[in-house]
Amino acid sequence: MKRSVTSMKDVLALVLGGGVGTRLYPLTKLRAKPAVPIGGKHRLVDIPISNCLNSGVRKIYVLTQFNSVSLHRHIFQSYQFDRFSAGFVQILAAEQTPQSMDWYQGTADAVRKQTFEIHATRARHVLILSGDHLYRMDYRPFVRLHRTKNADVTIAVQPVAGTEAHRYGILRADQDGRITSFAEKPQETAELETLVSDPESAKPYLASMGVYIFTEPFLLRILRERSEPDFGKHIIPAAIEAGRVFAYPFSGYWEDIGTIESFFGANLALTDLNPPFNLYDPQRPIYSRARYLPGSRVDNCQLVHVLLSDGCRLERAIVTESVVGLRSSIRPGAQLRQVVMMGADYYETEQDYRENKRLDRPNMGVGEDSVIERAILDKNVRIGRNVHIRPHSPADDLQTESYSIRDGIVVVPKDAVIPDGTVI
């Protein structure tokens, strides 16, 4: 007997671009959160889009607003469907219209302002995704459960420990999986006690992953009836009262890349021999922009637990537990440990090198004999010779023009210059 295949032709995906992204600053100084590079050669937005494509979802809108130029460029250059395909990955940017003069005020408000475009696709189900999460999910079982339960809304959930519960929307479901109560980032112990799902487990709470599927009529109706701006705080509690809302348990790896600490940890985890998020799955690849770069050149280096991207040049360097991004240059004598190096947007030419010398400016990349530990180096940074960047206390918090310290991690922002001999 053939196993039934879940059709995804009537599913529309909305990837939410997010707001200012202050917790990821300075990585979001010049770009939107979904445009932040991850894993050396991808961007965060590639994760939900790849999940959609691998699940058979071919109609994808990306809702954008803040610092969105590089995100728009990446999506345009990465996701082009041929003219015989009914699919698309399309930007829905915030705009002023005769109906609304305001920009997006929150996740629900962003979707509310695009209800005409949503309805025009004639989709029966709307998949709502965050643009800054790291996970791999086949959405077909998710959609199948939603249809089987005749649900108005289905929420992907994952067990979490009590120490983490205050970071998420926490819900409780009955034996049939129907959600009976929900609280967004509960802080009070008494409130948390009412939301325990499995008292015997080390992870007794069910956290919303911010991955929702709505039936299209219910979504449009509740957005008309409710004027509040956010899904987690406002729309989901209202949906639980007004409709049939179910939980979909997800047991795979999932990380909310909301802070510098979580971003740093998720990247370093990719360097493990058995990483929790597998970039090497041939059946479910993570798509991105094709750049046609040469292979990386490594000359007399020591590399231990390193994720090395395309087009890099490393010479007599020691690199440990680090991600090395596209077109990175690491020069003789340099030592990197637990570093997320995002690489460069272009190669410097001989003329650039002469100009750098005239201006007494370091070349792009990491200079000779520099020692860098527990740091994030954004794109196109120039680290001079004999620079020392050391780990800091998690309590340290500092903002300067050329670097920041967040969660004890030194972040050198895009295009920054760190002169020879600097100690941070």
Protein backbone atom coordinates (compact mmCIF):
# COMPACT_ATOMS: atom_id res chain seq x y z
CA MET A 1 0.00 0.00 0.00
CA LYS A 2 1.38 3.41 -0.95
CA ARG A 3 1.95 5.92 1.80
CA SER A 4 -0.11 9.05 1.31
CA VAL A 5 1.84 12.16 0.34
CA THR A 6 0.96 15.45 1.97
CA SER A 7 0.26 18.02 -0.73
CA MET A 8 1.77 21.44 -0.01
CA LYS A 9 0.37 23.22 -3.06
CA ASP A 10 -2.17 25.11 -0.97
CA VAL A 11 0.38 26.27 1.66
CA LEU A 12 1.79 29.81 1.66
CA ALA A 13 4.83 30.60 3.83
CA LEU A 14 5.45 33.98 5.44
CA VAL A 15 8.99 34.54 6.73
CA LEU A 16 9.05 37.44 9.20
CA GLY A 17 12.07 39.71 8.83
CA GLY A 18 11.88 41.09 12.37
CA GLY A 19 12.55 44.53 13.74
CA VAL A 20 15.63 46.47 14.82
CA GLY A 21 17.39 43.47 16.36
CA THR A 22 18.97 45.36 19.27
CA ARG A 23 20.05 42.17 21.07
CA LEU A 24 22.19 41.20 18.06
CA TYR A 25 23.80 44.62 17.75
CA PRO A 26 26.36 45.45 16.29
CA LEU A 27 25.76 42.57 13.81
CA THR A 28 22.47 44.31 12.96
CA LYS A 29 23.99 47.79 12.67
CA LEU A 30 23.97 47.62 8.86
CA ARG A 31 21.67 44.66 8.15
CA ALA A 32 18.40 43.02 9.14
CA LYS A 33 18.51 40.03 11.50
CA PRO A 34 17.71 37.46 8.78
CA ALA A 35 20.63 38.79 6.73
CA VAL A 36 23.20 38.03 9.46
CA PRO A 37 25.73 35.46 8.13
CA ILE A 38 25.87 32.05 9.81
CA GLY A 39 27.96 28.94 9.29
CA GLY A 40 30.54 30.70 7.13
CA LYS A 41 28.57 30.97 3.88
CA HIS A 42 24.85 31.17 4.66
CA ARG A 43 22.53 33.80 6.07
CA LEU A 44 19.88 33.20 8.71
CA VAL A 45 17.03 33.69 6.22
CA ASP A 46 18.36 30.71 4.23
CA ILE A 47 17.22 28.38 7.03
CA PRO A 48 13.41 28.87 6.86
CA ILE A 49 13.48 29.26 3.08
CA SER A 50 15.44 26.00 2.70
CA ASN A 51 13.07 24.24 5.10
CA CYS A 52 10.18 25.38 2.89
CA LEU A 53 11.80 24.27 -0.36
CA ASN A 54 12.78 20.89 1.12
CA SER A 55 9.18 20.45 2.33
CA GLY A 56 7.57 21.22 -1.00
CA VAL A 57 6.42 24.75 -0.08
CA ARG A 58 6.97 26.85 -3.20
CA LYS A 59 5.09 30.05 -2.39
CA ILE A 60 7.15 32.12 0.02
CA TYR A 61 6.84 35.76 1.05
CA VAL A 62 9.55 37.46 3.13
CA LEU A 63 8.24 40.43 5.12
CA THR A 64 10.94 43.07 5.61
CA GLN A 65 11.29 46.53 7.06
CA PHE A 66 14.50 47.42 8.90
CA ASN A 67 17.96 47.68 7.25
CA SER A 68 16.66 45.46 4.49
CA VAL A 69 18.82 46.36 1.45
CA SER A 70 21.34 43.52 1.87
CA LEU A 71 18.53 41.06 2.69
CA HIS A 72 16.65 42.02 -0.48
CA ARG A 73 19.82 41.66 -2.55
CA HIS A 74 20.59 38.24 -1.07
CA ILE A 75 17.09 36.89 -1.71
CA PHE A 76 17.04 38.25 -5.27
CA GLN A 77 20.44 36.71 -6.05
CA SER A 78 19.73 33.37 -4.33
CA TYR A 79 16.15 32.35 -5.10
CA GLN A 80 15.15 32.58 -8.73
CA PHE A 81 12.50 30.15 -9.99
CA ASP A 82 12.24 29.34 -13.67
CA ARG A 83 9.35 30.72 -15.72
CA PHE A 84 7.62 27.31 -15.84
CA SER A 85 7.35 27.12 -12.05
CA ALA A 86 4.38 28.40 -10.09
CA GLY A 87 6.64 29.06 -7.10
CA PHE A 88 8.28 32.25 -5.85
CA VAL A 89 10.33 33.77 -3.06
CA GLN A 90 9.16 37.36 -2.97
CA ILE A 91 9.78 40.38 -0.77
CA LEU A 92 6.84 42.14 0.91
CA ALA A 93 8.44 45.32 2.24
CA ALA A 94 6.72 47.62 4.69
CA GLU A 95 5.05 50.45 2.82
CA GLN A 96 2.71 53.37 3.35
CA THR A 97 -0.65 53.00 1.63
CA PRO A 98 -3.97 54.88 1.59
CA GLN A 99 -5.21 52.31 4.11
CA SER A 100 -2.22 52.59 6.46
CA MET A 101 0.49 55.23 6.88
CA ASP A 102 2.37 53.27 9.57
CA TRP A 103 5.29 50.86 9.25
CA TYR A 104 5.05 47.35 10.71
CA GLN A 105 4.42 47.61 14.45
CA GLY A 106 5.02 43.93 15.26
CA THR A 107 4.81 40.40 13.86
CA ALA A 108 1.02 40.27 13.68
CA ASP A 109 0.78 43.82 12.37
CA ALA A 110 3.22 42.95 9.57
CA VAL A 111 0.98 40.08 8.45
CA ARG A 112 -2.16 42.20 8.92
CA LYS A 113 -0.82 44.83 6.53
CA GLN A 114 -0.29 42.17 3.84
CA THR A 115 -3.68 40.42 4.01
CA PHE A 116 -4.54 41.44 0.45
CA GLU A 117 -1.40 39.74 -0.91
CA ILE A 118 -2.04 36.66 1.26
CA HIS A 119 -5.63 36.28 0.09
CA ALA A 120 -4.62 36.81 -3.54
CA THR A 121 -2.54 33.60 -3.50
CA ARG A 122 -5.71 31.57 -2.72
CA ALA A 123 -3.73 29.50 -0.19
CA ARG A 124 -5.79 27.43 2.26
CA HIS A 125 -3.07 27.36 4.91
CA VAL A 126 -0.54 30.01 5.94
CA LEU A 127 2.77 28.95 7.49
CA ILE A 128 4.29 31.73 9.62
CA LEU A 129 8.04 31.47 10.28
CA SER A 130 10.74 33.51 11.98
CA GLY A 131 13.72 34.63 9.97
CA ASP A 132 16.25 34.23 12.79
CA HIS A 133 15.97 30.61 13.99
CA LEU A 134 18.38 27.74 13.32
CA TYR A 135 16.62 24.38 12.84
CA ARG A 136 15.74 21.87 10.16
CA MET A 137 12.08 20.84 9.94
CA ASP A 138 10.04 18.96 7.39
CA TYR A 139 6.80 20.96 7.43
CA ARG A 140 4.77 18.17 5.82
CA PRO A 141 4.00 16.25 9.06
CA PHE A 142 3.26 19.61 10.67
CA VAL A 143 0.71 20.43 7.98
CA ARG A 144 -0.68 16.87 8.08
CA LEU A 145 -1.40 17.12 11.82
CA HIS A 146 -3.01 20.52 11.31
CA ARG A 147 -5.38 19.05 8.70
CA THR A 148 -6.07 15.86 10.64
CA LYS A 149 -7.09 17.81 13.74
CA ASN A 150 -9.19 20.20 11.68
CA ALA A 151 -7.30 22.92 13.52
CA ASP A 152 -7.58 26.66 13.08
CA VAL A 153 -4.00 27.08 14.31
CA THR A 154 -1.19 24.61 15.02
CA ILE A 155 1.95 25.62 16.91
CA ALA A 156 5.29 23.80 16.78
CA VAL A 157 6.51 23.22 20.34
CA GLN A 158 9.59 21.88 22.07
CA PRO A 159 10.21 20.85 25.72
CA VAL A 160 12.34 23.25 27.76
CA ALA A 161 13.72 23.34 31.30
CA GLY A 162 12.37 25.61 33.99
CA THR A 163 15.46 27.81 33.83
CA GLU A 164 14.69 28.60 30.18
CA ALA A 165 10.92 28.95 30.37
CA HIS A 166 10.98 32.72 30.93
CA ARG A 167 12.53 33.19 27.46
CA TYR A 168 9.65 31.64 25.51
CA GLY A 169 5.94 31.49 25.08
CA ILE A 170 4.89 28.55 27.30
CA LEU A 171 1.75 26.55 26.65
CA ARG A 172 -0.15 23.64 28.08
CA ALA A 173 -2.06 21.07 26.01
CA ASP A 174 -4.60 18.36 26.86
CA GLN A 175 -4.20 14.67 26.01
CA ASP A 176 -5.45 15.25 22.48
CA GLY A 177 -2.82 17.94 21.90
CA ARG A 178 -5.28 20.83 22.01
CA ILE A 179 -3.75 23.89 23.68
CA THR A 180 -5.69 25.01 26.71
CA SER A 181 -3.51 27.79 28.11
CA PHE A 182 -0.62 29.98 27.00
CA ALA A 183 1.63 32.64 28.53
CA GLU A 184 4.21 34.74 26.69
CA LYS A 185 7.56 34.71 28.56
CA PRO A 186 6.10 34.04 32.03
CA GLN A 187 8.27 35.42 34.85
CA GLU A 188 6.30 34.54 37.98
CA THR A 189 6.77 31.12 39.63
CA ALA A 190 3.05 30.81 40.37
CA GLU A 191 2.17 31.33 36.72
CA LEU A 192 4.80 28.81 35.59
CA GLU A 193 3.44 26.16 37.96
CA THR A 194 0.09 26.26 36.16
CA LEU A 195 1.81 25.53 32.82
CA VAL A 196 3.74 22.37 33.71
CA SER A 197 3.14 19.70 31.06
CA ASP A 198 5.35 16.85 32.33
CA PRO A 199 6.28 17.15 36.04
CA GLU A 200 8.58 14.10 35.90
CA SER A 201 10.69 15.43 33.03
CA ALA A 202 13.88 17.51 33.24
CA LYS A 203 12.15 19.70 30.66
CA PRO A 204 8.62 20.00 32.03
CA TYR A 205 7.43 22.93 29.90
CA LEU A 206 6.33 23.15 26.28
CA ALA A 207 7.76 26.21 24.52
CA SER A 208 6.38 27.73 21.35
CA MET A 209 9.00 27.74 18.60
CA GLY A 210 7.38 30.70 16.87
CA VAL A 211 6.42 28.38 14.00
CA TYR A 212 2.68 28.54 13.28
CA ILE A 213 0.26 27.31 10.66
CA PHE A 214 -3.14 28.98 10.30
CA THR A 215 -6.08 28.18 8.12
CA GLU A 216 -6.30 31.24 5.87
CA PRO A 217 -9.90 32.32 6.74
CA PHE A 218 -9.24 32.06 10.49
CA LEU A 219 -5.99 34.04 10.19
CA LEU A 220 -7.58 36.87 8.26
CA ARG A 221 -10.61 36.94 10.54
CA ILE A 222 -8.68 37.12 13.79
CA LEU A 223 -6.35 39.79 12.40
CA ARG A 224 -9.43 41.85 11.48
CA GLU A 225 -11.00 41.36 14.90
CA ARG A 226 -7.85 42.05 16.90
CA SER A 227 -5.72 45.16 16.43
CA GLU A 228 -2.78 44.17 18.67
CA PRO A 229 0.69 44.02 17.03
CA ASP A 230 2.27 40.68 18.07
CA PHE A 231 1.49 36.99 17.56
CA GLY A 232 3.01 35.66 20.76
CA LYS A 233 1.66 38.29 23.13
CA HIS A 234 -1.73 38.90 21.57
CA ILE A 235 -2.93 36.80 18.63
CA ILE A 236 -2.09 33.32 19.93
CA PRO A 237 -3.93 33.80 23.30
CA ALA A 238 -6.90 35.21 21.39
CA ALA A 239 -6.82 32.27 18.97
CA ILE A 240 -6.88 29.77 21.85
CA GLU A 241 -10.06 31.38 23.13
CA ALA A 242 -11.71 31.69 19.72
CA GLY A 243 -10.70 28.55 17.84
CA ARG A 244 -9.15 25.09 17.74
CA VAL A 245 -5.41 25.44 18.47
CA PHE A 246 -3.16 22.38 18.66
CA ALA A 247 0.47 21.63 19.51
CA TYR A 248 2.90 19.87 17.19
CA PRO A 249 5.82 18.35 19.17
CA PHE A 250 9.24 18.82 17.55
CA SER A 251 12.21 16.90 18.93
CA GLY A 252 15.00 18.12 16.65
CA TYR A 253 17.62 20.81 17.21
CA TRP A 254 16.27 24.34 17.38
CA GLU A 255 17.96 27.56 18.44
CA ASP A 256 16.52 31.04 18.61
CA ILE A 257 19.36 33.27 17.36
CA GLY A 258 18.21 36.27 19.37
CA THR A 259 21.35 37.33 21.22
CA ILE A 260 25.08 37.62 20.61
CA GLU A 261 25.62 34.71 23.03
CA SER A 262 23.18 32.38 21.24
CA PHE A 263 24.54 33.39 17.82
CA PHE A 264 28.11 32.74 18.92
CA GLY A 265 27.26 29.40 20.54
CA ALA A 266 25.23 28.17 17.55
CA ASN A 267 28.10 28.93 15.18
CA LEU A 268 30.74 27.22 17.33
CA ALA A 269 28.50 24.16 17.67
CA LEU A 270 28.75 23.75 13.88
CA THR A 271 32.48 23.00 14.28
CA ASP A 272 31.85 19.83 16.37
CA LEU A 273 32.57 16.42 14.85
CA ASN A 274 28.89 15.60 15.33
CA PRO A 275 27.21 19.02 15.25
CA PRO A 276 23.64 19.30 16.55
CA PHE A 277 22.70 21.03 13.30
CA ASN A 278 23.96 19.04 10.33
CA LEU A 279 24.95 21.11 7.30
CA TYR A 280 25.90 17.96 5.41
CA ASP A 281 22.47 16.38 4.89
CA PRO A 282 22.32 15.61 1.14
CA GLN A 283 18.55 15.13 1.19
CA ARG A 284 17.79 18.46 2.88
CA PRO A 285 20.46 20.99 1.86
CA ILE A 286 20.62 24.55 3.09
CA TYR A 287 20.42 26.72 0.00
CA SER A 288 22.15 30.06 -0.44
CA ARG A 289 23.64 32.32 -3.06
CA ALA A 290 25.96 30.62 -5.56
CA ARG A 291 29.22 32.59 -5.58
CA TYR A 292 31.57 30.47 -7.77
CA LEU A 293 34.56 30.97 -5.48
CA PRO A 294 37.77 28.93 -5.69
CA GLY A 295 38.69 26.32 -3.12
CA SER A 296 40.39 27.54 0.04
CA ARG A 297 44.18 27.57 0.10
CA VAL A 298 45.77 26.38 3.37
CA ASP A 299 49.57 26.57 3.65
CA ASN A 300 51.32 24.94 6.63
CA CYS A 301 48.49 25.60 9.10
CA GLN A 302 47.12 23.76 12.12
CA LEU A 303 43.33 23.52 11.96
CA VAL A 304 41.36 21.78 14.73
CA HIS A 305 37.53 21.68 14.66
CA VAL A 306 37.26 24.35 11.97
CA LEU A 307 34.41 25.03 9.58
CA LEU A 308 36.25 26.50 6.58
CA SER A 309 34.33 28.24 3.79
CA ASP A 310 35.16 28.83 0.12
CA GLY A 311 37.81 31.13 -1.24
CA CYS A 312 39.90 31.53 1.92
CA ARG A 313 43.67 31.99 2.18
CA LEU A 314 45.43 30.82 5.34
CA GLU A 315 49.20 30.76 5.85
CA ARG A 316 51.13 29.34 8.83
CA ALA A 317 48.23 29.98 11.20
CA ILE A 318 46.72 28.03 14.11
CA VAL A 319 42.91 27.97 14.10
CA THR A 320 40.86 26.06 16.69
CA GLU A 321 37.08 25.67 17.22
CA SER A 322 36.28 28.41 14.75
CA VAL A 323 34.11 29.27 11.75
CA VAL A 324 36.04 30.87 8.89
CA GLY A 325 33.81 32.65 6.40
CA LEU A 326 34.03 33.33 2.67
CA ARG A 327 37.21 34.97 1.30
CA SER A 328 38.85 35.13 4.74
CA SER A 329 42.56 35.93 4.94
CA ILE A 330 44.55 34.74 7.97
CA ARG A 331 48.24 35.61 7.83
CA PRO A 332 51.41 33.96 9.21
CA GLY A 333 51.69 33.55 12.96
CA ALA A 334 48.03 34.34 13.66
CA GLN A 335 46.21 32.25 16.27
CA LEU A 336 42.42 32.03 16.47
CA ARG A 337 40.46 30.09 19.09
CA GLN A 338 36.67 30.11 19.28
CA VAL A 339 36.30 32.80 16.65
CA VAL A 340 33.42 33.39 14.26
CA MET A 341 35.05 35.08 11.27
CA MET A 342 32.51 36.13 8.66
CA GLY A 343 35.03 36.79 5.90
CA ALA A 344 34.87 39.40 3.17
CA ASP A 345 32.58 40.61 0.39
CA TYR A 346 35.44 40.96 -2.09
CA TYR A 347 39.15 40.33 -2.62
CA GLU A 348 41.63 43.18 -2.32
CA THR A 349 43.81 43.86 -5.34
CA GLU A 350 47.48 44.86 -5.59
CA GLN A 351 46.31 48.43 -5.96
CA ASP A 352 44.32 48.08 -2.71
CA TYR A 353 47.41 46.76 -0.92
CA ARG A 354 49.43 49.78 -2.10
CA GLU A 355 46.69 52.12 -0.95
CA ASN A 356 46.53 50.37 2.44
CA LYS A 357 50.26 50.82 2.85
CA ARG A 358 50.06 54.51 1.94
CA LEU A 359 47.27 55.04 4.50
CA ASP A 360 49.02 52.86 7.12
CA ARG A 361 45.88 50.74 7.15
CA PRO A 362 45.87 46.94 7.72
CA ASN A 363 44.87 44.68 4.86
CA MET A 364 41.51 42.91 5.20
CA GLY A 365 41.58 39.81 7.37
CA VAL A 366 43.72 38.91 10.37
CA GLY A 367 47.27 40.25 10.42
CA GLU A 368 50.55 38.55 11.28
CA ASP A 369 51.07 37.24 14.83
CA SER A 370 47.67 38.39 16.08
CA VAL A 371 46.01 36.29 18.81
CA ILE A 372 42.21 36.30 18.90
CA GLU A 373 40.05 34.32 21.32
CA ARG A 374 36.25 34.21 21.79
CA ALA A 375 35.35 36.89 19.28
CA ILE A 376 33.11 37.61 16.31
CA LEU A 377 34.76 39.31 13.34
CA ASP A 378 32.15 40.73 10.98
CA LYS A 379 32.71 41.09 7.25
CA ASN A 380 35.56 43.14 5.77
CA VAL A 381 37.26 43.78 9.11
CA ARG A 382 40.94 44.74 9.16
CA ILE A 383 42.88 43.29 12.09
CA GLY A 384 46.46 44.59 12.19
CA ARG A 385 49.67 42.87 13.27
CA ASN A 386 50.20 41.74 16.87
CA VAL A 387 46.61 42.45 17.88
CA HIS A 388 45.43 40.63 21.03
CA ILE A 389 41.72 40.06 21.61
CA ARG A 390 41.08 38.10 24.79
CA PRO A 391 37.97 36.63 26.47
CA HIS A 392 36.00 38.83 28.84
CA SER A 393 33.62 38.31 31.74
CA PRO A 394 29.98 37.68 30.76
CA ALA A 395 29.15 40.77 32.82
CA ASP A 396 31.34 43.00 30.65
CA ASP A 397 29.40 45.31 28.37
CA LEU A 398 31.19 47.93 26.31
CA GLN A 399 30.45 49.85 23.13
CA THR A 400 33.13 51.66 21.13
CA GLU A 401 33.37 52.78 17.53
CA SER A 402 35.70 49.92 16.52
CA TYR A 403 34.43 47.06 18.70
CA SER A 404 31.80 45.99 21.25
CA ILE A 405 31.77 43.55 24.15
CA ARG A 406 28.45 41.73 24.52
CA ASP A 407 27.89 38.72 26.81
CA GLY A 408 31.68 38.64 27.33
CA ILE A 409 32.26 38.22 23.57
CA VAL A 410 34.22 40.80 21.58
CA VAL A 411 32.39 41.80 18.39
CA VAL A 412 34.30 43.67 15.69
CA PRO A 413 31.65 45.21 13.41
CA LYS A 414 31.59 45.24 9.63
CA ASP A 415 34.37 47.29 7.95
CA ALA A 416 36.02 48.10 11.30
CA VAL A 417 39.78 48.67 11.56
CA ILE A 418 41.84 47.43 14.53
CA PRO A 419 45.34 48.98 14.32
CA ASP A 420 48.63 47.12 14.85
CA GLY A 421 49.41 46.25 18.45
CA THR A 422 45.89 46.85 19.82
CA VAL A 423 44.95 44.91 22.98
CA ILE A 424 41.24 44.36 23.72
